[in-house]
């Protein structure tokens, strides 16, 4: 999976989370399983990478909902660049 596909999947998962009203601080594995399953069914990622993608989606949402800037650019300020 190339970088554009990966970032696109992050955005899709983040959109699902947003529509579901999921908290950007959610840590409950059971609540996040739906998003892991979606990511896994739409990619060739393993369990560890799927989990990472779900947490990157949460971070993307948090940055997207911040007061300014592009979330993909602002992530660099937190040391959490997107792949």
C-alpha atoms as a PDB file:
ATOM      1  CA  UNK A   1       0.000   0.000   0.000  1.00  0.00           C
ATOM      2  CA  UNK A   2       1.485   3.315  -1.003  1.00  0.00           C
ATOM      3  CA  UNK A   3       1.416   6.483   1.075  1.00  0.00           C
ATOM      4  CA  UNK A   4      -1.568   8.013  -0.735  1.00  0.00           C
ATOM      5  CA  UNK A   5      -3.661   4.870  -0.262  1.00  0.00           C
ATOM      6  CA  UNK A   6      -2.692   4.706   3.413  1.00  0.00           C
ATOM      7  CA  UNK A   7      -3.596   8.349   4.015  1.00  0.00           C
ATOM      8  CA  UNK A   8      -6.858   7.885   2.135  1.00  0.00           C
ATOM      9  CA  UNK A   9      -7.740   4.942   4.384  1.00  0.00           C
ATOM     10  CA  UNK A  10      -6.939   7.054   7.461  1.00  0.00           C
ATOM     11  CA  UNK A  11      -9.360   9.700   6.202  1.00  0.00           C
ATOM     12  CA  UNK A  12     -12.076   7.114   5.493  1.00  0.00           C
ATOM     13  CA  UNK A  13     -11.758   5.567   8.947  1.00  0.00           C
ATOM     14  CA  UNK A  14     -11.699   9.030  10.556  1.00  0.00           C
ATOM     15  CA  UNK A  15     -14.867   9.963   8.672  1.00  0.00           C
ATOM     16  CA  UNK A  16     -16.571   6.815   9.964  1.00  0.00           C
ATOM     17  CA  UNK A  17     -15.493   7.666  13.502  1.00  0.00           C
ATOM     18  CA  UNK A  18     -16.755  11.209  13.152  1.00  0.00           C
ATOM     19  CA  UNK A  19     -20.155  10.066  11.841  1.00  0.00           C
ATOM     20  CA  UNK A  20     -20.415   7.611  14.744  1.00  0.00           C
ATOM     21  CA  UNK A  21     -19.639  10.362  17.254  1.00  0.00           C
ATOM     22  CA  UNK A  22     -16.598   8.526  18.595  1.00  0.00           C
ATOM     23  CA  UNK A  23     -14.468  10.491  21.035  1.00  0.00           C
ATOM     24  CA  UNK A  24     -11.030  11.382  19.678  1.00  0.00           C
ATOM     25  CA  UNK A  25      -9.651  10.125  22.996  1.00  0.00           C
ATOM     26  CA  UNK A  26     -11.324   6.696  22.769  1.00  0.00           C
ATOM     27  CA  UNK A  27      -9.111   3.843  23.989  1.00  0.00           C
ATOM     28  CA  UNK A  28     -11.668   1.035  24.407  1.00  0.00           C
ATOM     29  CA  UNK A  29     -10.508  -1.803  22.134  1.00  0.00           C
ATOM     30  CA  UNK A  30     -14.051  -3.125  21.733  1.00  0.00           C
ATOM     31  CA  UNK A  31     -15.299   0.228  20.431  1.00  0.00           C
ATOM     32  CA  UNK A  32     -12.328   0.506  18.073  1.00  0.00           C
ATOM     33  CA  UNK A  33     -12.719  -3.031  16.699  1.00  0.00           C
ATOM     34  CA  UNK A  34     -15.293  -1.887  14.118  1.00  0.00           C
ATOM     35  CA  UNK A  35     -12.739   0.477  12.608  1.00  0.00           C
ATOM     36  CA  UNK A  36      -9.962  -2.126  12.685  1.00  0.00           C
ATOM     37  CA  UNK A  37     -12.244  -4.557  10.868  1.00  0.00           C
ATOM     38  CA  UNK A  38     -13.090  -1.944   8.243  1.00  0.00           C
ATOM     39  CA  UNK A  39      -9.442  -1.048   7.698  1.00  0.00           C
ATOM     40  CA  UNK A  40      -8.416  -4.701   7.498  1.00  0.00           C
ATOM     41  CA  UNK A  41     -11.130  -5.498   4.949  1.00  0.00           C
ATOM     42  CA  UNK A  42     -10.032  -2.565   2.783  1.00  0.00           C
ATOM     43  CA  UNK A  43      -6.299  -3.208   2.884  1.00  0.00           C
ATOM     44  CA  UNK A  44      -3.639  -5.867   3.172  1.00  0.00           C
ATOM     45  CA  UNK A  45      -2.458  -4.648   6.594  1.00  0.00           C
ATOM     46  CA  UNK A  46      -1.708  -7.026   9.462  1.00  0.00           C
ATOM     47  CA  UNK A  47      -3.251  -6.663  12.946  1.00  0.00           C
ATOM     48  CA  UNK A  48      -0.486  -4.455  14.312  1.00  0.00           C
ATOM     49  CA  UNK A  49      -0.540  -2.108  11.321  1.00  0.00           C
ATOM     50  CA  UNK A  50      -4.345  -1.983  11.372  1.00  0.00           C
ATOM     51  CA  UNK A  51      -4.278  -0.953  15.034  1.00  0.00           C
ATOM     52  CA  UNK A  52      -1.700   1.715  14.211  1.00  0.00           C
ATOM     53  CA  UNK A  53      -3.915   3.018  11.397  1.00  0.00           C
ATOM     54  CA  UNK A  54      -6.926   3.268  13.727  1.00  0.00           C
ATOM     55  CA  UNK A  55      -4.935   5.289  16.258  1.00  0.00           C
ATOM     56  CA  UNK A  56      -3.545   7.482  13.473  1.00  0.00           C
ATOM     57  CA  UNK A  57      -7.154   8.066  12.408  1.00  0.00           C
ATOM     58  CA  UNK A  58      -7.984   9.219  15.940  1.00  0.00           C
ATOM     59  CA  UNK A  59      -4.987  11.537  15.885  1.00  0.00           C
ATOM     60  CA  UNK A  60      -6.029  12.830  12.464  1.00  0.00           C
ATOM     61  CA  UNK A  61      -9.493  13.644  13.859  1.00  0.00           C
ATOM     62  CA  UNK A  62      -7.981  15.384  16.873  1.00  0.00           C
ATOM     63  CA  UNK A  63      -5.747  17.509  14.673  1.00  0.00           C
ATOM     64  CA  UNK A  64      -8.530  18.136  12.159  1.00  0.00           C
ATOM     65  CA  UNK A  65     -10.745  19.472  14.929  1.00  0.00           C
ATOM     66  CA  UNK A  66      -8.012  21.712  16.324  1.00  0.00           C
ATOM     67  CA  UNK A  67      -8.239  25.434  15.785  1.00  0.00           C
ATOM     68  CA  UNK A  68      -5.905  25.816  12.816  1.00  0.00           C
ATOM     69  CA  UNK A  69      -3.790  24.244  10.159  1.00  0.00           C
ATOM     70  CA  UNK A  70      -3.754  21.185   7.972  1.00  0.00           C
ATOM     71  CA  UNK A  71      -3.849  18.020  10.114  1.00  0.00           C
ATOM     72  CA  UNK A  72      -1.275  16.235   7.978  1.00  0.00           C
ATOM     73  CA  UNK A  73       1.127  19.170   8.293  1.00  0.00           C
ATOM     74  CA  UNK A  74       0.426  19.843  11.990  1.00  0.00           C
ATOM     75  CA  UNK A  75       1.102  16.201  12.863  1.00  0.00           C
ATOM     76  CA  UNK A  76       4.799  16.859  12.287  1.00  0.00           C
ATOM     77  CA  UNK A  77       4.783  19.332  15.178  1.00  0.00           C
ATOM     78  CA  UNK A  78       3.718  16.524  17.530  1.00  0.00           C
ATOM     79  CA  UNK A  79       6.210  14.028  16.162  1.00  0.00           C
ATOM     80  CA  UNK A  80       3.306  12.048  14.762  1.00  0.00           C
ATOM     81  CA  UNK A  81       3.721  12.271  11.029  1.00  0.00           C
ATOM     82  CA  UNK A  82       1.436  10.208   8.891  1.00  0.00           C
ATOM     83  CA  UNK A  83       2.995   7.522   6.757  1.00  0.00           C
END
